[in-house]
Amino acid sequence: MGRRMPISVAEGNLRPHEPMQAAKFASEAGVVVRSQVPILTHWKEYKAQSEHFDGFVGRLYGRLAIDTRHQPTIDACINVFKSSIR
């Protein structure tokens, strides 16, 4: 082992199709949000202060092999970030 798990999200989906990838993606994202992201009062504050989302993606990139230039992957990260914040 010793490698980061690659996460691939298909066009039009919000989560990876493979169950193992989806579970790892969701659990690692939840750990990052709970331990590193501050709790703000409204979602608009996260949109105004983009360093929180950028930090989330950066920490998630450190734990998993995600392509930060692939738009469906970024959309999946946004969806997981929103659902984890709530």
PDB file of N, CA and C in Angstrom:
ATOM      1  N   MET A   1       0.846  -1.171   0.000  1.00  0.00           N
ATOM      2  CA  MET A   1       0.000   0.000   0.000  1.00  0.00           C
ATOM      3  C   MET A   1       0.898   1.244   0.000  1.00  0.00           C
ATOM      4  N   GLY A   2       0.722   2.131   0.936  1.00  0.00           N
ATOM      5  CA  GLY A   2       1.582   3.294   1.019  1.00  0.00           C
ATOM      6  C   GLY A   2       1.275   4.381   0.001  1.00  0.00           C
ATOM      7  N   ARG A   3       0.189   4.256  -0.760  1.00  0.00           N
ATOM      8  CA  ARG A   3      -0.173   5.278  -1.738  1.00  0.00           C
ATOM      9  C   ARG A   3      -1.470   5.939  -1.318  1.00  0.00           C
ATOM     10  N   ARG A   4      -1.668   7.113  -1.855  1.00  0.00           N
ATOM     11  CA  ARG A   4      -2.948   7.778  -1.640  1.00  0.00           C
ATOM     12  C   ARG A   4      -3.968   7.188  -2.605  1.00  0.00           C
ATOM     13  N   MET A   5      -5.195   7.009  -2.148  1.00  0.00           N
ATOM     14  CA  MET A   5      -6.240   6.437  -2.992  1.00  0.00           C
ATOM     15  C   MET A   5      -6.663   7.451  -4.049  1.00  0.00           C
ATOM     16  N   PRO A   6      -6.645   7.064  -5.337  1.00  0.00           N
ATOM     17  CA  PRO A   6      -7.104   7.995  -6.373  1.00  0.00           C
ATOM     18  C   PRO A   6      -8.625   8.113  -6.353  1.00  0.00           C
ATOM     19  N   ILE A   7      -9.105   9.328  -6.457  1.00  0.00           N
ATOM     20  CA  ILE A   7     -10.537   9.605  -6.473  1.00  0.00           C
ATOM     21  C   ILE A   7     -10.895  10.153  -7.848  1.00  0.00           C
ATOM     22  N   SER A   8     -11.819   9.468  -8.529  1.00  0.00           N
ATOM     23  CA  SER A   8     -12.259   9.931  -9.845  1.00  0.00           C
ATOM     24  C   SER A   8     -13.774  10.059  -9.834  1.00  0.00           C
ATOM     25  N   VAL A   9     -14.245  11.232 -10.226  1.00  0.00           N
ATOM     26  CA  VAL A   9     -15.672  11.527 -10.269  1.00  0.00           C
ATOM     27  C   VAL A   9     -16.058  11.691 -11.730  1.00  0.00           C
ATOM     28  N   ALA A  10     -17.070  10.959 -12.163  1.00  0.00           N
ATOM     29  CA  ALA A  10     -17.520  11.039 -13.546  1.00  0.00           C
ATOM     30  C   ALA A  10     -18.282  12.333 -13.789  1.00  0.00           C
ATOM     31  N   GLU A  11     -18.336  12.729 -15.040  1.00  0.00           N
ATOM     32  CA  GLU A  11     -19.061  13.938 -15.442  1.00  0.00           C
ATOM     33  C   GLU A  11     -20.536  13.812 -15.087  1.00  0.00           C
ATOM     34  N   GLY A  12     -21.083  14.794 -14.396  1.00  0.00           N
ATOM     35  CA  GLY A  12     -22.493  14.798 -14.029  1.00  0.00           C
ATOM     36  C   GLY A  12     -22.801  14.154 -12.687  1.00  0.00           C
ATOM     37  N   ASN A  13     -21.838  13.531 -12.048  1.00  0.00           N
ATOM     38  CA  ASN A  13     -22.039  12.921 -10.734  1.00  0.00           C
ATOM     39  C   ASN A  13     -21.471  13.829  -9.642  1.00  0.00           C
ATOM     40  N   LEU A  14     -21.948  13.616  -8.426  1.00  0.00           N
ATOM     41  CA  LEU A  14     -21.440  14.387  -7.300  1.00  0.00           C
ATOM     42  C   LEU A  14     -20.598  13.553  -6.350  1.00  0.00           C
ATOM     43  N   ARG A  15     -20.541  12.261  -6.576  1.00  0.00           N
ATOM     44  CA  ARG A  15     -19.719  11.363  -5.769  1.00  0.00           C
ATOM     45  C   ARG A  15     -19.034  10.363  -6.695  1.00  0.00           C
ATOM     46  N   PRO A  16     -17.946   9.753  -6.264  1.00  0.00           N
ATOM     47  CA  PRO A  16     -17.315   8.700  -7.067  1.00  0.00           C
ATOM     48  C   PRO A  16     -18.248   7.501  -7.240  1.00  0.00           C
ATOM     49  N   HIS A  17     -18.121   6.815  -8.358  1.00  0.00           N
ATOM     50  CA  HIS A  17     -18.989   5.671  -8.651  1.00  0.00           C
ATOM     51  C   HIS A  17     -18.582   4.438  -7.854  1.00  0.00           C
ATOM     52  N   GLU A  18     -17.292   4.227  -7.666  1.00  0.00           N
ATOM     53  CA  GLU A  18     -16.794   3.070  -6.919  1.00  0.00           C
ATOM     54  C   GLU A  18     -17.123   3.229  -5.436  1.00  0.00           C
ATOM     55  N   PRO A  19     -17.699   2.191  -4.814  1.00  0.00           N
ATOM     56  CA  PRO A  19     -18.096   2.313  -3.392  1.00  0.00           C
ATOM     57  C   PRO A  19     -16.926   2.579  -2.444  1.00  0.00           C
ATOM     58  N   MET A  20     -15.797   1.965  -2.700  1.00  0.00           N
ATOM     59  CA  MET A  20     -14.636   2.158  -1.816  1.00  0.00           C
ATOM     60  C   MET A  20     -14.124   3.593  -1.915  1.00  0.00           C
ATOM     61  N   GLN A  21     -14.089   4.142  -3.137  1.00  0.00           N
ATOM     62  CA  GLN A  21     -13.662   5.521  -3.318  1.00  0.00           C
ATOM     63  C   GLN A  21     -14.647   6.490  -2.674  1.00  0.00           C
ATOM     64  N   ALA A  22     -15.945   6.229  -2.841  1.00  0.00           N
ATOM     65  CA  ALA A  22     -16.969   7.112  -2.276  1.00  0.00           C
ATOM     66  C   ALA A  22     -16.897   7.126  -0.754  1.00  0.00           C
ATOM     67  N   ALA A  23     -16.709   5.971  -0.152  1.00  0.00           N
ATOM     68  CA  ALA A  23     -16.630   5.885   1.306  1.00  0.00           C
ATOM     69  C   ALA A  23     -15.390   6.598   1.832  1.00  0.00           C
ATOM     70  N   LYS A  24     -14.263   6.380   1.191  1.00  0.00           N
ATOM     71  CA  LYS A  24     -13.015   7.016   1.619  1.00  0.00           C
ATOM     72  C   LYS A  24     -13.091   8.530   1.443  1.00  0.00           C
ATOM     73  N   PHE A  25     -13.654   8.958   0.312  1.00  0.00           N
ATOM     74  CA  PHE A  25     -13.808  10.381   0.026  1.00  0.00           C
ATOM     75  C   PHE A  25     -14.680  11.055   1.088  1.00  0.00           C
ATOM     76  N   ALA A  26     -15.810  10.462   1.403  1.00  0.00           N
ATOM     77  CA  ALA A  26     -16.728  11.046   2.382  1.00  0.00           C
ATOM     78  C   ALA A  26     -16.125  11.047   3.788  1.00  0.00           C
ATOM     79  N   SER A  27     -15.487   9.960   4.181  1.00  0.00           N
ATOM     80  CA  SER A  27     -14.952   9.900   5.533  1.00  0.00           C
ATOM     81  C   SER A  27     -13.763  10.840   5.720  1.00  0.00           C
ATOM     82  N   GLU A  28     -12.866  10.901   4.749  1.00  0.00           N
ATOM     83  CA  GLU A  28     -11.722  11.810   4.855  1.00  0.00           C
ATOM     84  C   GLU A  28     -12.174  13.266   4.825  1.00  0.00           C
ATOM     85  N   ALA A  29     -13.174  13.573   3.991  1.00  0.00           N
ATOM     86  CA  ALA A  29     -13.691  14.939   3.940  1.00  0.00           C
ATOM     87  C   ALA A  29     -14.327  15.316   5.276  1.00  0.00           C
ATOM     88  N   GLY A  30     -15.055  14.397   5.876  1.00  0.00           N
ATOM     89  CA  GLY A  30     -15.657  14.660   7.175  1.00  0.00           C
ATOM     90  C   GLY A  30     -14.626  14.911   8.257  1.00  0.00           C
ATOM     91  N   VAL A  31     -13.543  14.145   8.237  1.00  0.00           N
ATOM     92  CA  VAL A  31     -12.475  14.331   9.224  1.00  0.00           C
ATOM     93  C   VAL A  31     -11.821  15.694   9.045  1.00  0.00           C
ATOM     94  N   VAL A  32     -11.562  16.079   7.801  1.00  0.00           N
ATOM     95  CA  VAL A  32     -10.928  17.373   7.539  1.00  0.00           C
ATOM     96  C   VAL A  32     -11.834  18.515   7.980  1.00  0.00           C
ATOM     97  N   VAL A  33     -13.119  18.424   7.661  1.00  0.00           N
ATOM     98  CA  VAL A  33     -14.041  19.505   8.039  1.00  0.00           C
ATOM     99  C   VAL A  33     -14.158  19.616   9.552  1.00  0.00           C
ATOM    100  N   ARG A  34     -14.312  18.488  10.229  1.00  0.00           N
ATOM    101  CA  ARG A  34     -14.480  18.541  11.689  1.00  0.00           C
ATOM    102  C   ARG A  34     -13.229  19.025  12.408  1.00  0.00           C
ATOM    103  N   SER A  35     -12.061  18.740  11.860  1.00  0.00           N
ATOM    104  CA  SER A  35     -10.849  19.085  12.593  1.00  0.00           C
ATOM    105  C   SER A  35     -10.201  20.395  12.148  1.00  0.00           C
ATOM    106  N   GLN A  36     -10.470  20.878  10.940  1.00  0.00           N
ATOM    107  CA  GLN A  36      -9.717  22.017  10.426  1.00  0.00           C
ATOM    108  C   GLN A  36     -10.550  23.233  10.041  1.00  0.00           C
ATOM    109  N   VAL A  37     -11.819  23.060   9.723  1.00  0.00           N
ATOM    110  CA  VAL A  37     -12.630  24.165   9.206  1.00  0.00           C
ATOM    111  C   VAL A  37     -13.410  24.806  10.358  1.00  0.00           C
ATOM    112  N   PRO A  38     -13.340  26.135  10.495  1.00  0.00           N
ATOM    113  CA  PRO A  38     -14.099  26.794  11.558  1.00  0.00           C
ATOM    114  C   PRO A  38     -15.588  26.800  11.230  1.00  0.00           C
ATOM    115  N   ILE A  39     -16.401  26.869  12.264  1.00  0.00           N
ATOM    116  CA  ILE A  39     -17.848  26.898  12.090  1.00  0.00           C
ATOM    117  C   ILE A  39     -18.286  28.352  11.999  1.00  0.00           C
ATOM    118  N   LEU A  40     -18.796  28.734  10.836  1.00  0.00           N
ATOM    119  CA  LEU A  40     -19.314  30.073  10.619  1.00  0.00           C
ATOM    120  C   LEU A  40     -20.838  30.019  10.655  1.00  0.00           C
ATOM    121  N   THR A  41     -21.469  31.166  10.786  1.00  0.00           N
ATOM    122  CA  THR A  41     -22.912  31.180  10.993  1.00  0.00           C
ATOM    123  C   THR A  41     -23.724  30.993   9.719  1.00  0.00           C
ATOM    124  N   HIS A  42     -23.174  31.317   8.559  1.00  0.00           N
ATOM    125  CA  HIS A  42     -23.943  31.227   7.330  1.00  0.00           C
ATOM    126  C   HIS A  42     -23.048  30.770   6.181  1.00  0.00           C
ATOM    127  N   TRP A  43     -23.651  30.078   5.217  1.00  0.00           N
ATOM    128  CA  TRP A  43     -22.887  29.546   4.087  1.00  0.00           C
ATOM    129  C   TRP A  43     -22.267  30.670   3.262  1.00  0.00           C
ATOM    130  N   LYS A  44     -22.902  31.839   3.199  1.00  0.00           N
ATOM    131  CA  LYS A  44     -22.366  32.960   2.426  1.00  0.00           C
ATOM    132  C   LYS A  44     -21.006  33.403   2.953  1.00  0.00           C
ATOM    133  N   GLU A  45     -20.762  33.211   4.223  1.00  0.00           N
ATOM    134  CA  GLU A  45     -19.467  33.568   4.791  1.00  0.00           C
ATOM    135  C   GLU A  45     -18.364  32.657   4.267  1.00  0.00           C
ATOM    136  N   TYR A  46     -18.675  31.396   4.013  1.00  0.00           N
ATOM    137  CA  TYR A  46     -17.688  30.486   3.415  1.00  0.00           C
ATOM    138  C   TYR A  46     -17.406  30.889   1.976  1.00  0.00           C
ATOM    139  N   LYS A  47     -18.453  31.360   1.267  1.00  0.00           N
ATOM    140  CA  LYS A  47     -18.258  31.801  -0.109  1.00  0.00           C
ATOM    141  C   LYS A  47     -17.438  33.083  -0.159  1.00  0.00           C
ATOM    142  N   ALA A  48     -17.640  33.975   0.804  1.00  0.00           N
ATOM    143  CA  ALA A  48     -16.907  35.233   0.839  1.00  0.00           C
ATOM    144  C   ALA A  48     -15.448  35.021   1.239  1.00  0.00           C
ATOM    145  N   GLN A  49     -15.201  34.072   2.119  1.00  0.00           N
ATOM    146  CA  GLN A  49     -13.840  33.765   2.572  1.00  0.00           C
ATOM    147  C   GLN A  49     -13.412  32.445   1.944  1.00  0.00           C
ATOM    148  N   SER A  50     -12.894  32.501   0.744  1.00  0.00           N
ATOM    149  CA  SER A  50     -12.591  31.275  -0.007  1.00  0.00           C
ATOM    150  C   SER A  50     -11.404  30.507   0.555  1.00  0.00           C
ATOM    151  N   GLU A  51     -10.659  31.081   1.488  1.00  0.00           N
ATOM    152  CA  GLU A  51      -9.508  30.354   2.041  1.00  0.00           C
ATOM    153  C   GLU A  51      -9.928  29.113   2.817  1.00  0.00           C
ATOM    154  N   HIS A  52     -11.159  29.100   3.328  1.00  0.00           N
ATOM    155  CA  HIS A  52     -11.629  27.911   4.044  1.00  0.00           C
ATOM    156  C   HIS A  52     -11.807  26.740   3.079  1.00  0.00           C
ATOM    157  N   PHE A  53     -12.450  26.994   1.936  1.00  0.00           N
ATOM    158  CA  PHE A  53     -12.642  25.922   0.950  1.00  0.00           C
ATOM    159  C   PHE A  53     -11.318  25.531   0.312  1.00  0.00           C
ATOM    160  N   ASP A  54     -10.461  26.504   0.033  1.00  0.00           N
ATOM    161  CA  ASP A  54      -9.156  26.192  -0.548  1.00  0.00           C
ATOM    162  C   ASP A  54      -8.317  25.356   0.413  1.00  0.00           C
ATOM    163  N   GLY A  55      -8.381  25.667   1.693  1.00  0.00           N
ATOM    164  CA  GLY A  55      -7.679  24.874   2.698  1.00  0.00           C
ATOM    165  C   GLY A  55      -8.244  23.468   2.806  1.00  0.00           C
ATOM    166  N   PHE A  56      -9.566  23.359   2.698  1.00  0.00           N
ATOM    167  CA  PHE A  56     -10.216  22.049   2.720  1.00  0.00           C
ATOM    168  C   PHE A  56      -9.745  21.188   1.555  1.00  0.00           C
ATOM    169  N   VAL A  57      -9.742  21.761   0.351  1.00  0.00           N
ATOM    170  CA  VAL A  57      -9.304  21.005  -0.828  1.00  0.00           C
ATOM    171  C   VAL A  57      -7.822  20.665  -0.720  1.00  0.00           C
ATOM    172  N   GLY A  58      -7.020  21.577  -0.206  1.00  0.00           N
ATOM    173  CA  GLY A  58      -5.593  21.312  -0.042  1.00  0.00           C
ATOM    174  C   GLY A  58      -5.318  20.181   0.939  1.00  0.00           C
ATOM    175  N   ARG A  59      -6.039  20.169   2.047  1.00  0.00           N
ATOM    176  CA  ARG A  59      -5.849  19.089   3.025  1.00  0.00           C
ATOM    177  C   ARG A  59      -6.374  17.760   2.488  1.00  0.00           C
ATOM    178  N   LEU A  60      -7.482  17.822   1.750  1.00  0.00           N
ATOM    179  CA  LEU A  60      -8.036  16.617   1.144  1.00  0.00           C
ATOM    180  C   LEU A  60      -7.094  16.084   0.067  1.00  0.00           C
ATOM    181  N   TYR A  61      -6.447  16.987  -0.659  1.00  0.00           N
ATOM    182  CA  TYR A  61      -5.464  16.602  -1.672  1.00  0.00           C
ATOM    183  C   TYR A  61      -4.266  15.918  -1.016  1.00  0.00           C
ATOM    184  N   GLY A  62      -3.920  16.334   0.191  1.00  0.00           N
ATOM    185  CA  GLY A  62      -2.818  15.705   0.911  1.00  0.00           C
ATOM    186  C   GLY A  62      -3.147  14.294   1.374  1.00  0.00           C
ATOM    187  N   ARG A  63      -4.414  14.011   1.599  1.00  0.00           N
ATOM    188  CA  ARG A  63      -4.821  12.691   2.074  1.00  0.00           C
ATOM    189  C   ARG A  63      -5.210  11.750   0.939  1.00  0.00           C
ATOM    190  N   LEU A  64      -5.778  12.299  -0.142  1.00  0.00           N
ATOM    191  CA  LEU A  64      -6.253  11.495  -1.269  1.00  0.00           C
ATOM    192  C   LEU A  64      -5.650  12.036  -2.557  1.00  0.00           C
ATOM    193  N   ALA A  65      -5.592  11.195  -3.574  1.00  0.00           N
ATOM    194  CA  ALA A  65      -5.082  11.623  -4.877  1.00  0.00           C
ATOM    195  C   ALA A  65      -6.253  12.132  -5.711  1.00  0.00           C
ATOM    196  N   ILE A  66      -6.537  13.442  -5.587  1.00  0.00           N
ATOM    197  CA  ILE A  66      -7.613  14.037  -6.370  1.00  0.00           C
ATOM    198  C   ILE A  66      -7.015  15.007  -7.377  1.00  0.00           C
ATOM    199  N   ASP A  67      -7.694  15.152  -8.510  1.00  0.00           N
ATOM    200  CA  ASP A  67      -7.256  16.077  -9.550  1.00  0.00           C
ATOM    201  C   ASP A  67      -7.970  17.399  -9.319  1.00  0.00           C
ATOM    202  N   THR A  68      -7.244  18.422  -8.901  1.00  0.00           N
ATOM    203  CA  THR A  68      -7.848  19.699  -8.566  1.00  0.00           C
ATOM    204  C   THR A  68      -8.181  20.535  -9.791  1.00  0.00           C
ATOM    205  N   ARG A  69      -7.803  20.077 -10.977  1.00  0.00           N
ATOM    206  CA  ARG A  69      -8.137  20.799 -12.210  1.00  0.00           C
ATOM    207  C   ARG A  69      -9.358  20.213 -12.899  1.00  0.00           C
ATOM    208  N   HIS A  70      -9.869  19.076 -12.429  1.00  0.00           N
ATOM    209  CA  HIS A  70     -11.010  18.396 -13.031  1.00  0.00           C
ATOM    210  C   HIS A  70     -12.289  18.958 -12.411  1.00  0.00           C
ATOM    211  N   GLN A  71     -13.138  19.606 -13.222  1.00  0.00           N
ATOM    212  CA  GLN A  71     -14.309  20.313 -12.706  1.00  0.00           C
ATOM    213  C   GLN A  71     -15.301  19.408 -11.981  1.00  0.00           C
ATOM    214  N   PRO A  72     -15.631  18.185 -12.461  1.00  0.00           N
ATOM    215  CA  PRO A  72     -16.537  17.334 -11.673  1.00  0.00           C
ATOM    216  C   PRO A  72     -15.978  16.977 -10.298  1.00  0.00           C
ATOM    217  N   THR A  73     -14.680  16.862 -10.175  1.00  0.00           N
ATOM    218  CA  THR A  73     -14.079  16.583  -8.876  1.00  0.00           C
ATOM    219  C   THR A  73     -14.229  17.784  -7.945  1.00  0.00           C
ATOM    220  N   ILE A  74     -14.041  18.983  -8.470  1.00  0.00           N
ATOM    221  CA  ILE A  74     -14.221  20.193  -7.669  1.00  0.00           C
ATOM    222  C   ILE A  74     -15.681  20.325  -7.242  1.00  0.00           C
ATOM    223  N   ASP A  75     -16.620  20.015  -8.166  1.00  0.00           N
ATOM    224  CA  ASP A  75     -18.039  20.058  -7.811  1.00  0.00           C
ATOM    225  C   ASP A  75     -18.362  19.050  -6.709  1.00  0.00           C
ATOM    226  N   ALA A  76     -17.745  17.877  -6.755  1.00  0.00           N
ATOM    227  CA  ALA A  76     -17.947  16.873  -5.711  1.00  0.00           C
ATOM    228  C   ALA A  76     -17.382  17.369  -4.377  1.00  0.00           C
ATOM    229  N   CYS A  77     -16.243  18.036  -4.418  1.00  0.00           N
ATOM    230  CA  CYS A  77     -15.666  18.595  -3.191  1.00  0.00           C
ATOM    231  C   CYS A  77     -16.574  19.672  -2.600  1.00  0.00           C
ATOM    232  N   ILE A  78     -17.168  20.512  -3.447  1.00  0.00           N
ATOM    233  CA  ILE A  78     -18.084  21.542  -2.975  1.00  0.00           C
ATOM    234  C   ILE A  78     -19.297  20.907  -2.313  1.00  0.00           C
ATOM    235  N   ASN A  79     -19.836  19.856  -2.952  1.00  0.00           N
ATOM    236  CA  ASN A  79     -21.009  19.176  -2.413  1.00  0.00           C
ATOM    237  C   ASN A  79     -20.704  18.537  -1.057  1.00  0.00           C
ATOM    238  N   VAL A  80     -19.578  17.872  -0.944  1.00  0.00           N
ATOM    239  CA  VAL A  80     -19.205  17.234   0.323  1.00  0.00           C
ATOM    240  C   VAL A  80     -18.919  18.294   1.390  1.00  0.00           C
ATOM    241  N   PHE A  81     -18.291  19.387   0.988  1.00  0.00           N
ATOM    242  CA  PHE A  81     -18.008  20.475   1.931  1.00  0.00           C
ATOM    243  C   PHE A  81     -19.297  21.065   2.480  1.00  0.00           C
ATOM    244  N   LYS A  82     -20.277  21.330   1.597  1.00  0.00           N
ATOM    245  CA  LYS A  82     -21.553  21.880   2.028  1.00  0.00           C
ATOM    246  C   LYS A  82     -22.285  20.921   2.962  1.00  0.00           C
ATOM    247  N   SER A  83     -22.333  19.650   2.593  1.00  0.00           N
ATOM    248  CA  SER A  83     -23.071  18.691   3.417  1.00  0.00           C
ATOM    249  C   SER A  83     -22.369  18.435   4.746  1.00  0.00           C
ATOM    250  N   SER A  84     -21.071  18.557   4.786  1.00  0.00           N
ATOM    251  CA  SER A  84     -20.344  18.350   6.047  1.00  0.00           C
ATOM    252  C   SER A  84     -20.500  19.541   6.982  1.00  0.00           C
ATOM    253  N   ILE A  85     -20.634  20.725   6.424  1.00  0.00           N
ATOM    254  CA  ILE A  85     -20.783  21.930   7.229  1.00  0.00           C
ATOM    255  C   ILE A  85     -22.145  21.941   7.927  1.00  0.00           C
ATOM    256  N   ARG A  86     -23.156  21.456   7.249  1.00  0.00           N
ATOM    257  CA  ARG A  86     -24.523  21.519   7.790  1.00  0.00           C
ATOM    258  C   ARG A  86     -24.661  20.697   8.990  1.00  0.00           C
TER     259      ARG A  86
END
